[in-house]
Amino acid sequence: QELFRGAGLAFIMYPGLTAAVGRVIHKFGLERWRNTVAQKLFSGEWGGTMCLTEPGAGSSVGDARTKAIPTDDPDGFMI
């Protein structure tokens, strides 16, 4: 990590966000996601990132106010 930080903060963000999304999917994702998506993230085959937008919050993550709503969809997506 020191090598990436020394080269520039942007270089540490890519592997850091990839690992973070992989950990979230591994802990909370459906079994089939853990076996495909998280595996590819941890192996380095795929990369992960964060896209954030929240009306009224701008770039202040702490001001975001969202709520998860359970669905009956087996994939866990709300459409």
C-alpha atoms as a PDB file:
ATOM      1  CA  GLN A   1       0.000   0.000   0.000  1.00  0.00           C
ATOM      2  CA  GLU A   2       2.881   2.373   0.679  1.00  0.00           C
ATOM      3  CA  LEU A   3       4.057   1.922  -2.889  1.00  0.00           C
ATOM      4  CA  PHE A   4       0.638   2.846  -4.275  1.00  0.00           C
ATOM      5  CA  ARG A   5       0.218   5.787  -1.905  1.00  0.00           C
ATOM      6  CA  GLY A   6       3.639   7.090  -2.819  1.00  0.00           C
ATOM      7  CA  ALA A   7       2.753   6.933  -6.499  1.00  0.00           C
ATOM      8  CA  GLY A   8      -0.518   8.765  -5.962  1.00  0.00           C
ATOM      9  CA  LEU A   9      -3.732   8.393  -4.018  1.00  0.00           C
ATOM     10  CA  ALA A  10      -5.650   7.370  -7.151  1.00  0.00           C
ATOM     11  CA  PHE A  11      -3.508   4.245  -7.399  1.00  0.00           C
ATOM     12  CA  ILE A  12      -4.531   3.012  -3.933  1.00  0.00           C
ATOM     13  CA  MET A  13      -8.213   3.772  -4.517  1.00  0.00           C
ATOM     14  CA  TYR A  14      -8.639   1.195  -7.283  1.00  0.00           C
ATOM     15  CA  PRO A  15      -7.398  -1.895  -5.407  1.00  0.00           C
ATOM     16  CA  GLY A  16      -8.856  -0.581  -2.135  1.00  0.00           C
ATOM     17  CA  LEU A  17     -12.362  -0.155  -3.534  1.00  0.00           C
ATOM     18  CA  THR A  18     -12.129  -3.496  -5.328  1.00  0.00           C
ATOM     19  CA  ALA A  19     -11.286  -5.259  -2.051  1.00  0.00           C
ATOM     20  CA  ALA A  20     -14.027  -3.357  -0.206  1.00  0.00           C
ATOM     21  CA  VAL A  21     -16.792  -4.303  -2.628  1.00  0.00           C
ATOM     22  CA  GLY A  22     -15.526  -7.884  -2.642  1.00  0.00           C
ATOM     23  CA  ARG A  23     -15.766  -8.055   1.162  1.00  0.00           C
ATOM     24  CA  VAL A  24     -19.319  -6.652   1.130  1.00  0.00           C
ATOM     25  CA  ILE A  25     -20.466  -9.180  -1.485  1.00  0.00           C
ATOM     26  CA  HIS A  26     -18.679 -12.006   0.300  1.00  0.00           C
ATOM     27  CA  LYS A  27     -20.369 -11.171   3.619  1.00  0.00           C
ATOM     28  CA  PHE A  28     -23.842 -10.058   2.507  1.00  0.00           C
ATOM     29  CA  GLY A  29     -24.308 -11.239  -1.094  1.00  0.00           C
ATOM     30  CA  LEU A  30     -26.236 -14.197  -2.358  1.00  0.00           C
ATOM     31  CA  GLU A  31     -24.301 -17.475  -2.560  1.00  0.00           C
ATOM     32  CA  ARG A  32     -24.071 -17.348  -6.346  1.00  0.00           C
ATOM     33  CA  TRP A  33     -22.621 -13.818  -6.137  1.00  0.00           C
ATOM     34  CA  ARG A  34     -19.987 -14.988  -3.685  1.00  0.00           C
ATOM     35  CA  ASN A  35     -19.017 -17.807  -6.016  1.00  0.00           C
ATOM     36  CA  THR A  36     -18.702 -15.614  -9.082  1.00  0.00           C
ATOM     37  CA  VAL A  37     -18.430 -11.876  -8.461  1.00  0.00           C
ATOM     38  CA  ALA A  38     -16.464 -11.850  -5.194  1.00  0.00           C
ATOM     39  CA  GLN A  39     -14.125 -14.565  -6.494  1.00  0.00           C
ATOM     40  CA  LYS A  40     -13.300 -12.498  -9.586  1.00  0.00           C
ATOM     41  CA  LEU A  41     -12.787  -9.356  -7.502  1.00  0.00           C
ATOM     42  CA  PHE A  42     -10.425 -11.072  -5.048  1.00  0.00           C
ATOM     43  CA  SER A  43      -8.460 -12.716  -7.859  1.00  0.00           C
ATOM     44  CA  GLY A  44      -7.925  -9.379  -9.596  1.00  0.00           C
ATOM     45  CA  GLU A  45      -9.784 -10.496 -12.730  1.00  0.00           C
ATOM     46  CA  TRP A  46     -12.463  -7.847 -12.103  1.00  0.00           C
ATOM     47  CA  GLY A  47     -12.198  -4.425 -10.523  1.00  0.00           C
ATOM     48  CA  GLY A  48     -14.646  -2.631  -8.283  1.00  0.00           C
ATOM     49  CA  THR A  49     -15.404   0.985  -7.629  1.00  0.00           C
ATOM     50  CA  MET A  50     -17.816   3.243  -5.826  1.00  0.00           C
ATOM     51  CA  CYS A  51     -20.304   5.545  -7.483  1.00  0.00           C
ATOM     52  CA  LEU A  52     -22.115   7.844  -5.119  1.00  0.00           C
ATOM     53  CA  THR A  53     -24.935  10.209  -5.766  1.00  0.00           C
ATOM     54  CA  GLU A  54     -27.541  11.367  -3.321  1.00  0.00           C
ATOM     55  CA  PRO A  55     -29.928  14.255  -3.955  1.00  0.00           C
ATOM     56  CA  GLY A  56     -29.158  17.072  -1.547  1.00  0.00           C
ATOM     57  CA  ALA A  57     -25.965  15.480  -0.222  1.00  0.00           C
ATOM     58  CA  GLY A  58     -23.551  16.396  -2.996  1.00  0.00           C
ATOM     59  CA  SER A  59     -20.182  14.833  -2.264  1.00  0.00           C
ATOM     60  CA  SER A  60     -20.725  14.666   1.509  1.00  0.00           C
ATOM     61  CA  VAL A  61     -21.198  10.954   2.181  1.00  0.00           C
ATOM     62  CA  GLY A  62     -22.199  11.640   5.784  1.00  0.00           C
ATOM     63  CA  ASP A  63     -25.173  13.712   4.649  1.00  0.00           C
ATOM     64  CA  ALA A  64     -26.663  10.869   2.572  1.00  0.00           C
ATOM     65  CA  ARG A  65     -30.005   9.563   3.840  1.00  0.00           C
ATOM     66  CA  THR A  66     -31.066   6.300   2.214  1.00  0.00           C
ATOM     67  CA  LYS A  67     -33.011   3.239   3.281  1.00  0.00           C
ATOM     68  CA  ALA A  68     -32.891  -0.379   2.118  1.00  0.00           C
ATOM     69  CA  ILE A  69     -36.247  -1.926   1.259  1.00  0.00           C
ATOM     70  CA  PRO A  70     -36.562  -5.745   1.171  1.00  0.00           C
ATOM     71  CA  THR A  71     -38.111  -7.242  -1.941  1.00  0.00           C
ATOM     72  CA  ASP A  72     -39.425 -10.640  -2.992  1.00  0.00           C
ATOM     73  CA  ASP A  73     -37.049 -10.657  -5.963  1.00  0.00           C
ATOM     74  CA  PRO A  74     -34.648 -13.644  -5.611  1.00  0.00           C
ATOM     75  CA  ASP A  75     -31.814 -11.483  -6.979  1.00  0.00           C
ATOM     76  CA  GLY A  76     -32.460  -8.873  -4.301  1.00  0.00           C
ATOM     77  CA  PHE A  77     -32.958  -6.017  -6.731  1.00  0.00           C
ATOM     78  CA  MET A  78     -35.642  -3.398  -6.404  1.00  0.00           C
ATOM     79  CA  ILE A  79     -36.984  -2.299  -9.781  1.00  0.00           C
END
